[in-house]
Amino acid sequence: MLQIGIAVIAGLAAAVGDGVLAPPVRLAAGETWIDTGEEIAHAGPSFHDLDGDGRRDLLVGNFAGTLAHYRNVGTAAAPKFEAKGFLAAEGAPIKIKNW
């Protein structure tokens, strides 16, 4: 099982295996690198199967309190992400107050 999510900063993720960090890899959504932006930063990644298709999608929270959604259009073993914008409820982006 692929395990990623110790850190995503400017699109870099560290993979975990047997408690040892592997070198970071750059994550992309389509042809674009995943990046929280210079002015926002403080990425908080999490992997969840949001659409029930058996593949874990990527959510990246940031210091501004929004959650970027990247749908996994690859496989569980070899994820490939597609940018879906910010996670929203009732048509408006979800914003989590963090201060």
Foldseek 3Di string as FASTA:
>chain_A
DWAWFPDAAQQWIWTDDPRDTDGIDGAAAVPHTDHPDPVWTPWHWDWDQPPPPQATWIWIATNQQWIWTWGFPDHNVDTHTHTDGTDDDPPHTGGDDDD
